[in-house]
């Protein structure tokens, strides 16, 4: 691999490590999917009886091969949404770093054989 390619890969890896460290130090993460539900409560005089349904947000996670659902209180919904999105962002960054390292490894392992 030429020096420019190595320098670029090093810069990219450094950028990803910096971004991961920044996320990890300032955020919290939740693995899972958010599911919104709407329904009625059954009270005849409630607004939901007129069609304006109550909404709930659930965090759905797989634990031990089973799906677990956690109802998210209204006061926590914005923060939980951010935590789920931050987890996905962190996962994507880790995949990018892994791909970058894989390219670097492939370039190193091919070099001795390409000279022959």
C-alpha atoms as a PDB file:
ATOM      1  CA  UNK A   1       0.000   0.000   0.000  1.00  0.00           C
ATOM      2  CA  UNK A   2       1.344   3.425  -0.844  1.00  0.00           C
ATOM      3  CA  UNK A   3       2.082   5.992   1.894  1.00  0.00           C
ATOM      4  CA  UNK A   4      -0.929   8.143   0.961  1.00  0.00           C
ATOM      5  CA  UNK A   5      -3.264   5.156   1.341  1.00  0.00           C
ATOM      6  CA  UNK A   6      -1.783   4.330   4.739  1.00  0.00           C
ATOM      7  CA  UNK A   7      -2.016   7.929   5.888  1.00  0.00           C
ATOM      8  CA  UNK A   8      -5.630   8.133   4.753  1.00  0.00           C
ATOM      9  CA  UNK A   9      -6.555   4.900   6.533  1.00  0.00           C
ATOM     10  CA  UNK A  10      -4.788   6.102   9.695  1.00  0.00           C
ATOM     11  CA  UNK A  11      -6.650   9.411   9.529  1.00  0.00           C
ATOM     12  CA  UNK A  12     -10.001   7.678   9.032  1.00  0.00           C
ATOM     13  CA  UNK A  13      -9.362   5.275  11.916  1.00  0.00           C
ATOM     14  CA  UNK A  14      -8.296   8.167  14.142  1.00  0.00           C
ATOM     15  CA  UNK A  15     -11.445  10.102  13.222  1.00  0.00           C
ATOM     16  CA  UNK A  16     -13.660   7.120  14.049  1.00  0.00           C
ATOM     17  CA  UNK A  17     -11.909   6.492  17.375  1.00  0.00           C
ATOM     18  CA  UNK A  18     -12.350  10.155  18.274  1.00  0.00           C
ATOM     19  CA  UNK A  19     -16.040  10.094  17.348  1.00  0.00           C
ATOM     20  CA  UNK A  20     -16.620   6.871  19.314  1.00  0.00           C
ATOM     21  CA  UNK A  21     -14.862   8.312  22.369  1.00  0.00           C
ATOM     22  CA  UNK A  22     -16.926  11.496  22.110  1.00  0.00           C
ATOM     23  CA  UNK A  23     -20.180   9.559  21.927  1.00  0.00           C
ATOM     24  CA  UNK A  24     -19.218   7.200  24.730  1.00  0.00           C
ATOM     25  CA  UNK A  25     -18.264   9.993  27.112  1.00  0.00           C
ATOM     26  CA  UNK A  26     -21.335  12.182  26.631  1.00  0.00           C
ATOM     27  CA  UNK A  27     -24.198   9.787  25.882  1.00  0.00           C
ATOM     28  CA  UNK A  28     -25.918   6.696  27.097  1.00  0.00           C
ATOM     29  CA  UNK A  29     -27.031   3.878  24.848  1.00  0.00           C
ATOM     30  CA  UNK A  30     -29.977   1.547  24.552  1.00  0.00           C
ATOM     31  CA  UNK A  31     -30.059  -1.455  22.241  1.00  0.00           C
ATOM     32  CA  UNK A  32     -33.502  -2.127  20.897  1.00  0.00           C
ATOM     33  CA  UNK A  33     -36.334  -0.908  18.733  1.00  0.00           C
ATOM     34  CA  UNK A  34     -38.991   1.611  19.601  1.00  0.00           C
ATOM     35  CA  UNK A  35     -42.615   0.700  19.026  1.00  0.00           C
ATOM     36  CA  UNK A  36     -45.490   3.158  19.263  1.00  0.00           C
ATOM     37  CA  UNK A  37     -48.938   1.886  20.083  1.00  0.00           C
ATOM     38  CA  UNK A  38     -52.345   3.503  20.225  1.00  0.00           C
ATOM     39  CA  UNK A  39     -55.437   2.216  21.970  1.00  0.00           C
ATOM     40  CA  UNK A  40     -58.482   2.898  24.089  1.00  0.00           C
ATOM     41  CA  UNK A  41     -58.791   2.734  27.851  1.00  0.00           C
ATOM     42  CA  UNK A  42     -62.428   1.656  27.947  1.00  0.00           C
ATOM     43  CA  UNK A  43     -63.877   4.662  29.807  1.00  0.00           C
ATOM     44  CA  UNK A  44     -67.047   5.793  28.001  1.00  0.00           C
ATOM     45  CA  UNK A  45     -66.457   9.544  28.547  1.00  0.00           C
ATOM     46  CA  UNK A  46     -62.755   9.521  27.621  1.00  0.00           C
ATOM     47  CA  UNK A  47     -61.441  11.231  24.499  1.00  0.00           C
ATOM     48  CA  UNK A  48     -60.316   7.838  23.180  1.00  0.00           C
ATOM     49  CA  UNK A  49     -63.974   6.766  22.919  1.00  0.00           C
ATOM     50  CA  UNK A  50     -64.363   9.567  20.357  1.00  0.00           C
ATOM     51  CA  UNK A  51     -61.424   8.306  18.305  1.00  0.00           C
ATOM     52  CA  UNK A  52     -58.509  10.262  19.830  1.00  0.00           C
ATOM     53  CA  UNK A  53     -56.500   7.233  20.966  1.00  0.00           C
ATOM     54  CA  UNK A  54     -54.000   7.100  23.830  1.00  0.00           C
ATOM     55  CA  UNK A  55     -50.435   6.520  22.654  1.00  0.00           C
ATOM     56  CA  UNK A  56     -47.646   4.613  24.375  1.00  0.00           C
ATOM     57  CA  UNK A  57     -44.009   4.088  23.487  1.00  0.00           C
ATOM     58  CA  UNK A  58     -42.303   0.747  24.127  1.00  0.00           C
ATOM     59  CA  UNK A  59     -38.651  -0.215  23.982  1.00  0.00           C
ATOM     60  CA  UNK A  60     -38.429  -3.722  22.528  1.00  0.00           C
ATOM     61  CA  UNK A  61     -35.259  -5.707  23.276  1.00  0.00           C
ATOM     62  CA  UNK A  62     -34.200  -9.282  22.708  1.00  0.00           C
ATOM     63  CA  UNK A  63     -32.899 -10.869  25.916  1.00  0.00           C
ATOM     64  CA  UNK A  64     -31.993 -14.515  26.096  1.00  0.00           C
ATOM     65  CA  UNK A  65     -33.742 -15.207  22.800  1.00  0.00           C
ATOM     66  CA  UNK A  66     -37.015 -13.664  23.964  1.00  0.00           C
ATOM     67  CA  UNK A  67     -38.483 -10.275  23.183  1.00  0.00           C
ATOM     68  CA  UNK A  68     -38.929  -7.986  26.173  1.00  0.00           C
ATOM     69  CA  UNK A  69     -41.040  -4.851  26.010  1.00  0.00           C
ATOM     70  CA  UNK A  70     -40.608  -1.939  28.370  1.00  0.00           C
ATOM     71  CA  UNK A  71     -43.165   0.854  28.488  1.00  0.00           C
ATOM     72  CA  UNK A  72     -41.350   4.204  28.302  1.00  0.00           C
ATOM     73  CA  UNK A  73     -42.847   6.968  30.479  1.00  0.00           C
ATOM     74  CA  UNK A  74     -43.752  10.178  28.610  1.00  0.00           C
ATOM     75  CA  UNK A  75     -41.123  12.161  30.524  1.00  0.00           C
ATOM     76  CA  UNK A  76     -38.384   9.762  29.314  1.00  0.00           C
ATOM     77  CA  UNK A  77     -39.423   9.358  25.677  1.00  0.00           C
ATOM     78  CA  UNK A  78     -37.144  11.967  24.115  1.00  0.00           C
ATOM     79  CA  UNK A  79     -34.095  10.715  26.019  1.00  0.00           C
ATOM     80  CA  UNK A  80     -34.849   7.060  25.220  1.00  0.00           C
ATOM     81  CA  UNK A  81     -35.226   7.924  21.522  1.00  0.00           C
ATOM     82  CA  UNK A  82     -31.821   9.636  21.628  1.00  0.00           C
ATOM     83  CA  UNK A  83     -30.244   6.669  23.424  1.00  0.00           C
ATOM     84  CA  UNK A  84     -31.552   4.196  20.830  1.00  0.00           C
ATOM     85  CA  UNK A  85     -30.321   6.432  17.987  1.00  0.00           C
ATOM     86  CA  UNK A  86     -26.942   6.895  19.704  1.00  0.00           C
ATOM     87  CA  UNK A  87     -26.601   3.116  20.024  1.00  0.00           C
ATOM     88  CA  UNK A  88     -27.222   2.740  16.286  1.00  0.00           C
ATOM     89  CA  UNK A  89     -24.721   5.503  15.512  1.00  0.00           C
ATOM     90  CA  UNK A  90     -22.110   3.834  17.711  1.00  0.00           C
ATOM     91  CA  UNK A  91     -22.748   0.493  16.009  1.00  0.00           C
ATOM     92  CA  UNK A  92     -22.265   2.093  12.577  1.00  0.00           C
ATOM     93  CA  UNK A  93     -19.024   3.747  13.681  1.00  0.00           C
ATOM     94  CA  UNK A  94     -17.694   0.465  15.044  1.00  0.00           C
ATOM     95  CA  UNK A  95     -18.545  -1.241  11.735  1.00  0.00           C
ATOM     96  CA  UNK A  96     -16.721   1.522   9.838  1.00  0.00           C
ATOM     97  CA  UNK A  97     -13.621   1.141  12.028  1.00  0.00           C
ATOM     98  CA  UNK A  98     -13.734  -2.629  11.573  1.00  0.00           C
ATOM     99  CA  UNK A  99     -13.988  -2.230   7.803  1.00  0.00           C
ATOM    100  CA  UNK A 100     -11.062   0.201   7.821  1.00  0.00           C
ATOM    101  CA  UNK A 101      -8.942  -2.217   9.871  1.00  0.00           C
ATOM    102  CA  UNK A 102      -9.925  -5.055   7.569  1.00  0.00           C
ATOM    103  CA  UNK A 103      -8.741  -3.069   4.540  1.00  0.00           C
ATOM    104  CA  UNK A 104      -5.468  -2.367   6.286  1.00  0.00           C
ATOM    105  CA  UNK A 105      -5.026  -6.049   7.146  1.00  0.00           C
ATOM    106  CA  UNK A 106      -5.864  -7.182   3.604  1.00  0.00           C
ATOM    107  CA  UNK A 107      -3.375  -4.674   2.175  1.00  0.00           C
ATOM    108  CA  UNK A 108      -0.620  -5.975   4.470  1.00  0.00           C
ATOM    109  CA  UNK A 109      -1.290  -9.632   3.746  1.00  0.00           C
ATOM    110  CA  UNK A 110      -1.376  -9.159  -0.035  1.00  0.00           C
ATOM    111  CA  UNK A 111       1.818  -7.137  -0.265  1.00  0.00           C
ATOM    112  CA  UNK A 112       4.311 -10.025   0.147  1.00  0.00           C
ATOM    113  CA  UNK A 113       2.495 -12.191  -2.403  1.00  0.00           C
ATOM    114  CA  UNK A 114       2.040  -9.469  -5.033  1.00  0.00           C
ATOM    115  CA  UNK A 115       5.825  -8.918  -5.239  1.00  0.00           C
ATOM    116  CA  UNK A 116       6.472 -12.530  -6.266  1.00  0.00           C
END
